[in-house]
C-alpha atoms as a PDB file:
ATOM      1  CA  MET A   1     -32.020  -4.182 -44.070  1.00  0.00           C
ATOM      2  CA  ALA A   2     -33.237  -1.018 -42.387  1.00  0.00           C
ATOM      3  CA  ASP A   3     -36.885  -0.342 -42.972  1.00  0.00           C
ATOM      4  CA  ILE A   4     -36.657  -0.120 -46.753  1.00  0.00           C
ATOM      5  CA  LYS A   5     -39.095  -2.643 -48.146  1.00  0.00           C
ATOM      6  CA  LEU A   6     -39.005  -3.985 -51.686  1.00  0.00           C
ATOM      7  CA  ASP A   7     -42.786  -3.820 -51.807  1.00  0.00           C
ATOM      8  CA  ASN A   8     -42.465  -0.018 -51.680  1.00  0.00           C
ATOM      9  CA  LEU A   9     -40.314  -0.092 -54.807  1.00  0.00           C
ATOM     10  CA  GLY A  10     -43.059  -1.741 -56.848  1.00  0.00           C
ATOM     11  CA  ILE A  11     -41.233  -5.058 -57.229  1.00  0.00           C
ATOM     12  CA  ASN A  12     -44.470  -6.990 -56.746  1.00  0.00           C
ATOM     13  CA  ASN A  13     -46.067  -5.151 -59.697  1.00  0.00           C
ATOM     14  CA  ILE A  14     -43.690  -6.761 -62.214  1.00  0.00           C
ATOM     15  CA  SER A  15     -45.419  -9.471 -64.189  1.00  0.00           C
ATOM     16  CA  SER A  16     -43.637 -12.412 -65.758  1.00  0.00           C
ATOM     17  CA  ASN A  17     -45.599 -12.442 -69.027  1.00  0.00           C
ATOM     18  CA  SER A  18     -44.590 -10.364 -72.037  1.00  0.00           C
ATOM     19  CA  ASN A  19     -47.835  -8.394 -72.188  1.00  0.00           C
ATOM     20  CA  VAL A  20     -47.818  -4.939 -70.694  1.00  0.00           C
ATOM     21  CA  SER A  21     -49.908  -4.895 -67.561  1.00  0.00           C
ATOM     22  CA  LYS A  22     -53.006  -2.683 -67.814  1.00  0.00           C
ATOM     23  CA  LYS A  23     -52.887  -2.170 -64.076  1.00  0.00           C
ATOM     24  CA  THR A  24     -51.302   1.191 -63.270  1.00  0.00           C
ATOM     25  CA  PRO A  25     -49.028   1.340 -60.259  1.00  0.00           C
ATOM     26  CA  SER A  26     -50.278   3.368 -57.329  1.00  0.00           C
ATOM     27  CA  LYS A  27     -47.066   5.422 -57.137  1.00  0.00           C
ATOM     28  CA  ASN A  28     -44.472   6.455 -59.653  1.00  0.00           C
ATOM     29  CA  PHE A  29     -40.761   5.876 -59.203  1.00  0.00           C
ATOM     30  CA  MET A  30     -39.980   9.458 -58.193  1.00  0.00           C
ATOM     31  CA  ASP A  31     -42.552   9.436 -55.379  1.00  0.00           C
ATOM     32  CA  THR A  32     -41.263   6.103 -54.119  1.00  0.00           C
ATOM     33  CA  MET A  33     -37.668   7.306 -54.125  1.00  0.00           C
ATOM     34  CA  LYS A  34     -38.666  10.502 -52.292  1.00  0.00           C
ATOM     35  CA  GLU A  35     -40.351   8.421 -49.583  1.00  0.00           C
ATOM     36  CA  VAL A  36     -37.268   6.211 -49.242  1.00  0.00           C
ATOM     37  CA  VAL A  37     -34.947   9.220 -49.000  1.00  0.00           C
ATOM     38  CA  ASP A  38     -37.223  10.773 -46.367  1.00  0.00           C
ATOM     39  CA  GLU A  39     -37.128   7.509 -44.431  1.00  0.00           C
ATOM     40  CA  VAL A  40     -33.320   7.391 -44.583  1.00  0.00           C
ATOM     41  CA  ASN A  41     -33.237  11.011 -43.423  1.00  0.00           C
ATOM     42  CA  ALA A  42     -35.443  10.121 -40.443  1.00  0.00           C
ATOM     43  CA  HIS A  43     -33.054   7.282 -39.535  1.00  0.00           C
ATOM     44  CA  GLN A  44     -30.120   9.709 -39.751  1.00  0.00           C
ATOM     45  CA  LYS A  45     -31.845  12.208 -37.443  1.00  0.00           C
ATOM     46  CA  THR A  46     -32.630   9.459 -34.937  1.00  0.00           C
ATOM     47  CA  SER A  47     -28.998   8.343 -35.090  1.00  0.00           C
ATOM     48  CA  GLU A  48     -27.735  11.885 -34.496  1.00  0.00           C
ATOM     49  CA  LYS A  49     -30.041  12.211 -31.475  1.00  0.00           C
ATOM     50  CA  ALA A  50     -28.797   8.881 -30.106  1.00  0.00           C
ATOM     51  CA  LEU A  51     -25.175   9.942 -30.598  1.00  0.00           C
ATOM     52  CA  SER A  52     -25.719  13.241 -28.812  1.00  0.00           C
ATOM     53  CA  ASP A  53     -27.507  11.440 -25.959  1.00  0.00           C
ATOM     54  CA  VAL A  54     -24.579   9.027 -25.600  1.00  0.00           C
ATOM     55  CA  ALA A  55     -22.080  11.904 -25.674  1.00  0.00           C
ATOM     56  CA  THR A  56     -23.926  13.867 -22.979  1.00  0.00           C
ATOM     57  CA  GLY A  57     -24.672  10.838 -20.817  1.00  0.00           C
ATOM     58  CA  GLN A  58     -28.436  11.175 -21.216  1.00  0.00           C
ATOM     59  CA  VAL A  59     -28.850   7.811 -22.889  1.00  0.00           C
ATOM     60  CA  LYS A  60     -31.221   5.472 -21.074  1.00  0.00           C
ATOM     61  CA  ASP A  61     -30.544   2.355 -23.102  1.00  0.00           C
ATOM     62  CA  LEU A  62     -27.188   2.060 -24.835  1.00  0.00           C
ATOM     63  CA  HIS A  63     -28.390  -0.983 -26.768  1.00  0.00           C
ATOM     64  CA  GLN A  64     -31.262   0.973 -28.370  1.00  0.00           C
ATOM     65  CA  ALA A  65     -28.866   3.796 -29.268  1.00  0.00           C
ATOM     66  CA  ALA A  66     -26.540   1.320 -30.958  1.00  0.00           C
ATOM     67  CA  ILE A  67     -29.463  -0.170 -32.892  1.00  0.00           C
ATOM     68  CA  ALA A  68     -30.564   3.294 -34.073  1.00  0.00           C
ATOM     69  CA  ILE A  69     -27.037   4.085 -35.248  1.00  0.00           C
ATOM     70  CA  GLY A  70     -26.793   0.729 -37.037  1.00  0.00           C
ATOM     71  CA  LYS A  71     -30.139   1.262 -38.778  1.00  0.00           C
ATOM     72  CA  ALA A  72     -29.026   4.672 -40.000  1.00  0.00           C
ATOM     73  CA  GLU A  73     -25.749   3.280 -41.310  1.00  0.00           C
ATOM     74  CA  THR A  74     -27.392   0.348 -43.074  1.00  0.00           C
ATOM     75  CA  SER A  75     -30.160   2.422 -44.631  1.00  0.00           C
ATOM     76  CA  MET A  76     -27.608   4.944 -45.930  1.00  0.00           C
ATOM     77  CA  LYS A  77     -25.522   2.160 -47.471  1.00  0.00           C
ATOM     78  CA  VAL A  78     -28.588   0.664 -49.166  1.00  0.00           C
ATOM     79  CA  MET A  79     -29.673   4.055 -50.507  1.00  0.00           C
ATOM     80  CA  LEU A  80     -26.185   4.730 -51.886  1.00  0.00           C
ATOM     81  CA  GLU A  81     -26.119   1.342 -53.618  1.00  0.00           C
ATOM     82  CA  VAL A  82     -29.522   1.997 -55.200  1.00  0.00           C
ATOM     83  CA  ARG A  83     -28.260   5.400 -56.346  1.00  0.00           C
ATOM     84  CA  ASN A  84     -25.118   3.839 -57.826  1.00  0.00           C
ATOM     85  CA  LYS A  85     -27.152   1.201 -59.669  1.00  0.00           C
ATOM     86  CA  ALA A  86     -29.496   3.877 -61.053  1.00  0.00           C
ATOM     87  CA  ILE A  87     -26.553   5.976 -62.258  1.00  0.00           C
ATOM     88  CA  ASN A  88     -24.936   2.938 -63.882  1.00  0.00           C
ATOM     89  CA  ALA A  89     -28.203   2.060 -65.620  1.00  0.00           C
ATOM     90  CA  TYR A  90     -28.549   5.641 -66.871  1.00  0.00           C
ATOM     91  CA  LYS A  91     -24.980   5.591 -68.223  1.00  0.00           C
ATOM     92  CA  GLU A  92     -25.659   2.279 -69.941  1.00  0.00           C
ATOM     93  CA  ILE A  93     -28.756   3.750 -71.589  1.00  0.00           C
ATOM     94  CA  LEU A  94     -26.698   6.726 -72.813  1.00  0.00           C
ATOM     95  CA  ARG A  95     -24.134   4.353 -74.350  1.00  0.00           C
ATOM     96  CA  THR A  96     -26.833   2.450 -76.225  1.00  0.00           C
ATOM     97  CA  GLN A  97     -26.795   3.296 -79.920  1.00  0.00           C
ATOM     98  CA  VAL A  98     -30.090   3.844 -81.666  1.00  0.00           C
END
């Protein structure tokens, strides 16, 4: 699933008990999302380079180029799904009556 790891999203910091954990996470959500977006951007740049190398005939290993393009596509799809889930959650919060 690209190089996006759930550990980076703080999933392991969620505790199953009802008490609020006194342990503060090392990163906040915004910093984590910025890192993930930067990582997706790096995959996209690598994919663009691979595509241009294939188009100009400078590619040394077609298999590696195809892998780079696949990683970029998969990481973009994952990022868009996370974005869609975040937007849906935000809309649900707005619909909640106080």
